[in-house]
Amino acid sequence: MNAVVAADDDTELIRHGRYLTQIAGCNDCHTPGYAMSGGQVPDSNWLTGDSLGWRGPWGTTYPSNLRLTMQSLTEDQWLSLARNTQYRPPMPWFALRDMSDQDLRAIYHFIRQQGPAGQPAPAYVPPDQEPQGPYVQFPAPPQ
Protein backbone atom coordinates (compact mmCIF):
# COMPACT_ATOMS: atom_id res chain seq x y z
CA MET A 1 0.00 0.00 0.00
CA ASN A 2 1.42 3.38 -0.85
CA ALA A 3 1.65 6.30 1.59
CA VAL A 4 -1.14 8.30 -0.09
CA VAL A 5 -3.66 5.45 0.22
CA ALA A 6 -2.62 4.83 3.86
CA ALA A 7 -3.04 8.54 4.67
CA ASP A 8 -6.49 8.58 3.03
CA ASP A 9 -7.48 5.48 5.03
CA ASP A 10 -6.30 7.11 8.28
CA THR A 11 -8.15 10.34 7.46
CA GLU A 12 -11.38 8.43 6.81
CA LEU A 13 -10.96 6.35 9.98
CA ILE A 14 -10.42 9.49 12.10
CA ARG A 15 -13.36 11.27 10.43
CA HIS A 16 -15.58 8.28 11.17
CA GLY A 17 -14.36 8.20 14.79
CA ARG A 18 -15.18 11.89 15.20
CA TYR A 19 -18.66 11.27 13.80
CA LEU A 20 -19.21 8.29 16.13
CA THR A 21 -18.19 10.22 19.25
CA GLN A 22 -20.80 12.80 18.33
CA ILE A 23 -23.73 10.52 17.53
CA ALA A 24 -23.01 7.90 20.20
CA GLY A 25 -23.21 10.54 22.93
CA CYS A 26 -19.59 10.23 24.12
CA ASN A 27 -19.25 14.00 24.30
CA ASP A 28 -22.49 14.38 26.26
CA CYS A 29 -20.75 13.18 29.42
CA HIS A 30 -17.02 13.09 28.64
CA THR A 31 -16.83 16.72 27.39
CA PRO A 32 -17.52 19.45 29.96
CA GLY A 33 -20.46 21.66 28.96
CA TYR A 34 -21.17 19.80 25.70
CA ALA A 35 -24.79 18.81 26.32
CA MET A 36 -25.67 22.10 28.03
CA SER A 37 -24.28 24.12 25.10
CA GLY A 38 -25.95 22.10 22.37
CA GLY A 39 -22.59 20.74 21.29
CA GLN A 40 -20.96 24.15 21.00
CA VAL A 41 -17.63 23.16 22.57
CA PRO A 42 -14.38 23.45 20.62
CA ASP A 43 -12.94 20.11 19.47
CA SER A 44 -9.83 20.90 21.51
CA ASN A 45 -11.92 20.40 24.69
CA TRP A 46 -13.65 17.23 23.59
CA LEU A 47 -13.43 14.08 25.71
CA THR A 48 -11.33 15.58 28.50
CA GLY A 49 -13.56 14.15 31.25
CA ASP A 50 -15.73 16.06 33.68
CA SER A 51 -15.95 16.84 37.37
CA LEU A 52 -19.76 16.68 37.30
CA GLY A 53 -20.62 13.50 39.16
CA TRP A 54 -23.45 11.05 38.54
CA ARG A 55 -24.80 9.79 41.85
CA GLY A 56 -27.12 6.87 42.46
CA PRO A 57 -27.33 3.60 44.39
CA TRP A 58 -23.94 2.63 42.86
CA GLY A 59 -22.19 5.67 44.37
CA THR A 60 -20.88 8.65 42.39
CA THR A 61 -19.11 8.17 39.09
CA TYR A 62 -17.34 10.71 36.91
CA PRO A 63 -16.85 10.70 33.13
CA SER A 64 -13.22 9.77 32.56
CA ASN A 65 -10.76 11.79 30.53
CA LEU A 66 -10.67 9.68 27.38
CA ARG A 67 -7.92 11.83 25.88
CA LEU A 68 -5.56 10.72 28.67
CA THR A 69 -6.87 7.15 28.85
CA MET A 70 -6.39 6.39 25.15
CA GLN A 71 -2.77 7.54 25.22
CA SER A 72 -1.91 4.65 27.55
CA LEU A 73 -3.77 1.94 25.60
CA THR A 74 -2.87 -0.02 22.51
CA GLU A 75 -5.62 -0.54 19.96
CA ASP A 76 -5.99 -4.18 21.07
CA GLN A 77 -6.21 -3.14 24.74
CA TRP A 78 -8.94 -0.64 23.83
CA LEU A 79 -10.92 -3.30 21.96
CA SER A 80 -10.66 -5.67 24.92
CA LEU A 81 -11.66 -2.95 27.39
CA ALA A 82 -14.63 -1.88 25.24
CA ARG A 83 -15.82 -5.47 24.86
CA ASN A 84 -15.29 -6.78 28.38
CA THR A 85 -15.64 -4.03 30.98
CA GLN A 86 -18.96 -3.36 32.69
CA TYR A 87 -18.77 0.21 33.98
CA ARG A 88 -20.96 1.71 36.67
CA PRO A 89 -23.96 3.79 35.59
CA PRO A 90 -24.66 5.93 33.77
CA MET A 91 -21.95 4.73 31.34
CA PRO A 92 -23.66 2.67 28.61
CA TRP A 93 -20.94 -0.01 28.51
CA PHE A 94 -23.31 -2.25 26.53
CA ALA A 95 -23.20 0.25 23.65
CA LEU A 96 -19.43 -0.14 23.43
CA ARG A 97 -19.75 -3.91 23.68
CA ASP A 98 -22.15 -3.95 20.74
CA MET A 99 -20.12 -1.72 18.40
CA SER A 100 -18.25 -3.24 15.49
CA ASP A 101 -14.48 -3.57 15.65
CA GLN A 102 -14.29 -1.04 12.81
CA ASP A 103 -16.29 1.53 14.82
CA LEU A 104 -14.26 0.96 17.98
CA ARG A 105 -11.02 1.30 16.02
CA ALA A 106 -12.28 4.55 14.48
CA ILE A 107 -13.11 5.99 17.92
CA TYR A 108 -9.69 4.92 19.20
CA HIS A 109 -7.84 6.58 16.32
CA PHE A 110 -9.89 9.77 16.56
CA ILE A 111 -9.27 10.17 20.28
CA ARG A 112 -5.58 9.30 19.96
CA GLN A 113 -5.04 11.87 17.22
CA GLN A 114 -6.68 14.53 19.44
CA GLY A 115 -3.72 14.06 21.81
CA PRO A 116 -3.59 14.23 25.60
CA ALA A 117 -5.34 17.18 27.27
CA GLY A 118 -6.95 18.07 30.57
CA GLN A 119 -6.76 16.42 33.96
CA PRO A 120 -7.93 13.04 35.22
CA ALA A 121 -11.54 12.95 36.35
CA PRO A 122 -12.28 12.72 40.09
CA ALA A 123 -12.17 9.25 41.64
CA TYR A 124 -15.27 7.14 42.19
CA VAL A 125 -17.10 7.89 45.47
CA PRO A 126 -18.81 4.93 47.23
CA PRO A 127 -22.56 5.16 47.96
CA ASP A 128 -22.05 5.80 51.69
CA GLN A 129 -19.89 8.91 51.06
CA GLU A 130 -20.93 12.39 49.96
CA PRO A 131 -19.19 13.69 46.81
CA GLN A 132 -17.34 16.99 47.17
CA GLY A 133 -18.30 18.72 43.92
CA PRO A 134 -21.48 19.08 41.89
CA TYR A 135 -23.41 15.98 40.88
CA VAL A 136 -26.60 14.82 39.24
CA GLN A 137 -28.75 12.75 41.62
CA PHE A 138 -30.45 9.76 40.03
CA PRO A 139 -33.71 8.73 41.68
CA ALA A 140 -33.93 5.35 43.37
CA PRO A 141 -35.24 2.68 41.02
CA PRO A 142 -38.92 1.71 41.38
CA GLN A 143 -39.62 -1.03 43.89
C-alpha atoms as a PDB file:
ATOM      1  CA  MET A   1       0.000   0.000   0.000  1.00  0.00           C
ATOM      2  CA  ASN A   2       1.421   3.383  -0.850  1.00  0.00           C
ATOM      3  CA  ALA A   3       1.648   6.296   1.593  1.00  0.00           C
ATOM      4  CA  VAL A   4      -1.142   8.302  -0.087  1.00  0.00           C
ATOM      5  CA  VAL A   5      -3.656   5.448   0.217  1.00  0.00           C
ATOM      6  CA  ALA A   6      -2.624   4.830   3.855  1.00  0.00           C
ATOM      7  CA  ALA A   7      -3.038   8.537   4.674  1.00  0.00           C
ATOM      8  CA  ASP A   8      -6.486   8.578   3.030  1.00  0.00           C
ATOM      9  CA  ASP A   9      -7.483   5.475   5.030  1.00  0.00           C
ATOM     10  CA  ASP A  10      -6.303   7.115   8.277  1.00  0.00           C
ATOM     11  CA  THR A  11      -8.147  10.344   7.458  1.00  0.00           C
ATOM     12  CA  GLU A  12     -11.380   8.434   6.807  1.00  0.00           C
ATOM     13  CA  LEU A  13     -10.956   6.348   9.984  1.00  0.00           C
ATOM     14  CA  ILE A  14     -10.420   9.488  12.095  1.00  0.00           C
ATOM     15  CA  ARG A  15     -13.361  11.274  10.428  1.00  0.00           C
ATOM     16  CA  HIS A  16     -15.583   8.284  11.167  1.00  0.00           C
ATOM     17  CA  GLY A  17     -14.359   8.199  14.785  1.00  0.00           C
ATOM     18  CA  ARG A  18     -15.182  11.891  15.205  1.00  0.00           C
ATOM     19  CA  TYR A  19     -18.659  11.265  13.803  1.00  0.00           C
ATOM     20  CA  LEU A  20     -19.213   8.293  16.130  1.00  0.00           C
ATOM     21  CA  THR A  21     -18.187  10.217  19.254  1.00  0.00           C
ATOM     22  CA  GLN A  22     -20.796  12.799  18.331  1.00  0.00           C
ATOM     23  CA  ILE A  23     -23.728  10.520  17.530  1.00  0.00           C
ATOM     24  CA  ALA A  24     -23.012   7.900  20.202  1.00  0.00           C
ATOM     25  CA  GLY A  25     -23.213  10.544  22.932  1.00  0.00           C
ATOM     26  CA  CYS A  26     -19.595  10.230  24.121  1.00  0.00           C
ATOM     27  CA  ASN A  27     -19.247  14.001  24.299  1.00  0.00           C
ATOM     28  CA  ASP A  28     -22.494  14.376  26.257  1.00  0.00           C
ATOM     29  CA  CYS A  29     -20.750  13.181  29.418  1.00  0.00           C
ATOM     30  CA  HIS A  30     -17.022  13.092  28.644  1.00  0.00           C
ATOM     31  CA  THR A  31     -16.826  16.715  27.391  1.00  0.00           C
ATOM     32  CA  PRO A  32     -17.523  19.451  29.961  1.00  0.00           C
ATOM     33  CA  GLY A  33     -20.462  21.657  28.957  1.00  0.00           C
ATOM     34  CA  TYR A  34     -21.168  19.795  25.704  1.00  0.00           C
ATOM     35  CA  ALA A  35     -24.791  18.811  26.320  1.00  0.00           C
ATOM     36  CA  MET A  36     -25.669  22.095  28.028  1.00  0.00           C
ATOM     37  CA  SER A  37     -24.281  24.124  25.097  1.00  0.00           C
ATOM     38  CA  GLY A  38     -25.950  22.098  22.375  1.00  0.00           C
ATOM     39  CA  GLY A  39     -22.586  20.736  21.286  1.00  0.00           C
ATOM     40  CA  GLN A  40     -20.963  24.153  21.000  1.00  0.00           C
ATOM     41  CA  VAL A  41     -17.634  23.161  22.571  1.00  0.00           C
ATOM     42  CA  PRO A  42     -14.380  23.446  20.619  1.00  0.00           C
ATOM     43  CA  ASP A  43     -12.940  20.105  19.467  1.00  0.00           C
ATOM     44  CA  SER A  44      -9.829  20.902  21.509  1.00  0.00           C
ATOM     45  CA  ASN A  45     -11.917  20.399  24.687  1.00  0.00           C
ATOM     46  CA  TRP A  46     -13.654  17.227  23.585  1.00  0.00           C
ATOM     47  CA  LEU A  47     -13.430  14.084  25.708  1.00  0.00           C
ATOM     48  CA  THR A  48     -11.333  15.580  28.502  1.00  0.00           C
ATOM     49  CA  GLY A  49     -13.561  14.154  31.248  1.00  0.00           C
ATOM     50  CA  ASP A  50     -15.730  16.058  33.675  1.00  0.00           C
ATOM     51  CA  SER A  51     -15.948  16.835  37.373  1.00  0.00           C
ATOM     52  CA  LEU A  52     -19.765  16.676  37.302  1.00  0.00           C
ATOM     53  CA  GLY A  53     -20.624  13.499  39.156  1.00  0.00           C
ATOM     54  CA  TRP A  54     -23.446  11.045  38.536  1.00  0.00           C
ATOM     55  CA  ARG A  55     -24.796   9.789  41.853  1.00  0.00           C
ATOM     56  CA  GLY A  56     -27.121   6.867  42.455  1.00  0.00           C
ATOM     57  CA  PRO A  57     -27.334   3.600  44.393  1.00  0.00           C
ATOM     58  CA  TRP A  58     -23.940   2.630  42.858  1.00  0.00           C
ATOM     59  CA  GLY A  59     -22.188   5.669  44.367  1.00  0.00           C
ATOM     60  CA  THR A  60     -20.880   8.649  42.393  1.00  0.00           C
ATOM     61  CA  THR A  61     -19.105   8.168  39.089  1.00  0.00           C
ATOM     62  CA  TYR A  62     -17.341  10.705  36.906  1.00  0.00           C
ATOM     63  CA  PRO A  63     -16.854  10.702  33.132  1.00  0.00           C
ATOM     64  CA  SER A  64     -13.225   9.769  32.561  1.00  0.00           C
ATOM     65  CA  ASN A  65     -10.765  11.786  30.529  1.00  0.00           C
ATOM     66  CA  LEU A  66     -10.669   9.675  27.378  1.00  0.00           C
ATOM     67  CA  ARG A  67      -7.916  11.829  25.876  1.00  0.00           C
ATOM     68  CA  LEU A  68      -5.563  10.718  28.669  1.00  0.00           C
ATOM     69  CA  THR A  69      -6.867   7.148  28.849  1.00  0.00           C
ATOM     70  CA  MET A  70      -6.394   6.391  25.147  1.00  0.00           C
ATOM     71  CA  GLN A  71      -2.771   7.543  25.224  1.00  0.00           C
ATOM     72  CA  SER A  72      -1.913   4.654  27.550  1.00  0.00           C
ATOM     73  CA  LEU A  73      -3.766   1.941  25.597  1.00  0.00           C
ATOM     74  CA  THR A  74      -2.873  -0.015  22.507  1.00  0.00           C
ATOM     75  CA  GLU A  75      -5.617  -0.536  19.960  1.00  0.00           C
ATOM     76  CA  ASP A  76      -5.993  -4.176  21.065  1.00  0.00           C
ATOM     77  CA  GLN A  77      -6.207  -3.143  24.736  1.00  0.00           C
ATOM     78  CA  TRP A  78      -8.942  -0.644  23.832  1.00  0.00           C
ATOM     79  CA  LEU A  79     -10.923  -3.298  21.956  1.00  0.00           C
ATOM     80  CA  SER A  80     -10.663  -5.667  24.921  1.00  0.00           C
ATOM     81  CA  LEU A  81     -11.659  -2.948  27.387  1.00  0.00           C
ATOM     82  CA  ALA A  82     -14.633  -1.884  25.237  1.00  0.00           C
ATOM     83  CA  ARG A  83     -15.822  -5.467  24.863  1.00  0.00           C
ATOM     84  CA  ASN A  84     -15.293  -6.779  28.383  1.00  0.00           C
ATOM     85  CA  THR A  85     -15.640  -4.027  30.982  1.00  0.00           C
ATOM     86  CA  GLN A  86     -18.956  -3.364  32.688  1.00  0.00           C
ATOM     87  CA  TYR A  87     -18.771   0.206  33.978  1.00  0.00           C
ATOM     88  CA  ARG A  88     -20.958   1.712  36.674  1.00  0.00           C
ATOM     89  CA  PRO A  89     -23.962   3.792  35.585  1.00  0.00           C
ATOM     90  CA  PRO A  90     -24.664   5.926  33.774  1.00  0.00           C
ATOM     91  CA  MET A  91     -21.949   4.731  31.339  1.00  0.00           C
ATOM     92  CA  PRO A  92     -23.664   2.667  28.613  1.00  0.00           C
ATOM     93  CA  TRP A  93     -20.943  -0.014  28.508  1.00  0.00           C
ATOM     94  CA  PHE A  94     -23.313  -2.252  26.532  1.00  0.00           C
ATOM     95  CA  ALA A  95     -23.201   0.253  23.646  1.00  0.00           C
ATOM     96  CA  LEU A  96     -19.427  -0.143  23.433  1.00  0.00           C
ATOM     97  CA  ARG A  97     -19.747  -3.909  23.680  1.00  0.00           C
ATOM     98  CA  ASP A  98     -22.154  -3.955  20.745  1.00  0.00           C
ATOM     99  CA  MET A  99     -20.122  -1.719  18.396  1.00  0.00           C
ATOM    100  CA  SER A 100     -18.249  -3.238  15.486  1.00  0.00           C
ATOM    101  CA  ASP A 101     -14.478  -3.572  15.649  1.00  0.00           C
ATOM    102  CA  GLN A 102     -14.289  -1.040  12.812  1.00  0.00           C
ATOM    103  CA  ASP A 103     -16.288   1.527  14.822  1.00  0.00           C
ATOM    104  CA  LEU A 104     -14.257   0.961  17.983  1.00  0.00           C
ATOM    105  CA  ARG A 105     -11.015   1.301  16.023  1.00  0.00           C
ATOM    106  CA  ALA A 106     -12.275   4.548  14.481  1.00  0.00           C
ATOM    107  CA  ILE A 107     -13.112   5.985  17.921  1.00  0.00           C
ATOM    108  CA  TYR A 108      -9.693   4.924  19.201  1.00  0.00           C
ATOM    109  CA  HIS A 109      -7.839   6.584  16.318  1.00  0.00           C
ATOM    110  CA  PHE A 110      -9.891   9.773  16.557  1.00  0.00           C
ATOM    111  CA  ILE A 111      -9.275  10.173  20.285  1.00  0.00           C
ATOM    112  CA  ARG A 112      -5.579   9.297  19.962  1.00  0.00           C
ATOM    113  CA  GLN A 113      -5.041  11.875  17.223  1.00  0.00           C
ATOM    114  CA  GLN A 114      -6.675  14.526  19.437  1.00  0.00           C
ATOM    115  CA  GLY A 115      -3.720  14.062  21.810  1.00  0.00           C
ATOM    116  CA  PRO A 116      -3.592  14.232  25.598  1.00  0.00           C
ATOM    117  CA  ALA A 117      -5.340  17.179  27.268  1.00  0.00           C
ATOM    118  CA  GLY A 118      -6.950  18.068  30.573  1.00  0.00           C
ATOM    119  CA  GLN A 119      -6.761  16.420  33.960  1.00  0.00           C
ATOM    120  CA  PRO A 120      -7.928  13.040  35.219  1.00  0.00           C
ATOM    121  CA  ALA A 121     -11.542  12.946  36.354  1.00  0.00           C
ATOM    122  CA  PRO A 122     -12.284  12.721  40.091  1.00  0.00           C
ATOM    123  CA  ALA A 123     -12.166   9.254  41.639  1.00  0.00           C
ATOM    124  CA  TYR A 124     -15.269   7.141  42.193  1.00  0.00           C
ATOM    125  CA  VAL A 125     -17.101   7.886  45.472  1.00  0.00           C
ATOM    126  CA  PRO A 126     -18.809   4.931  47.226  1.00  0.00           C
ATOM    127  CA  PRO A 127     -22.561   5.164  47.959  1.00  0.00           C
ATOM    128  CA  ASP A 128     -22.046   5.798  51.687  1.00  0.00           C
ATOM    129  CA  GLN A 129     -19.886   8.907  51.060  1.00  0.00           C
ATOM    130  CA  GLU A 130     -20.931  12.388  49.964  1.00  0.00           C
ATOM    131  CA  PRO A 131     -19.192  13.685  46.806  1.00  0.00           C
ATOM    132  CA  GLN A 132     -17.338  16.989  47.167  1.00  0.00           C
ATOM    133  CA  GLY A 133     -18.305  18.715  43.918  1.00  0.00           C
ATOM    134  CA  PRO A 134     -21.482  19.081  41.887  1.00  0.00           C
ATOM    135  CA  TYR A 135     -23.408  15.983  40.885  1.00  0.00           C
ATOM    136  CA  VAL A 136     -26.599  14.819  39.240  1.00  0.00           C
ATOM    137  CA  GLN A 137     -28.747  12.746  41.616  1.00  0.00           C
ATOM    138  CA  PHE A 138     -30.446   9.758  40.035  1.00  0.00           C
ATOM    139  CA  PRO A 139     -33.713   8.726  41.678  1.00  0.00           C
ATOM    140  CA  ALA A 140     -33.933   5.351  43.370  1.00  0.00           C
ATOM    141  CA  PRO A 141     -35.239   2.682  41.016  1.00  0.00           C
ATOM    142  CA  PRO A 142     -38.922   1.713  41.382  1.00  0.00           C
ATOM    143  CA  GLN A 143     -39.623  -1.029  43.895  1.00  0.00           C
END
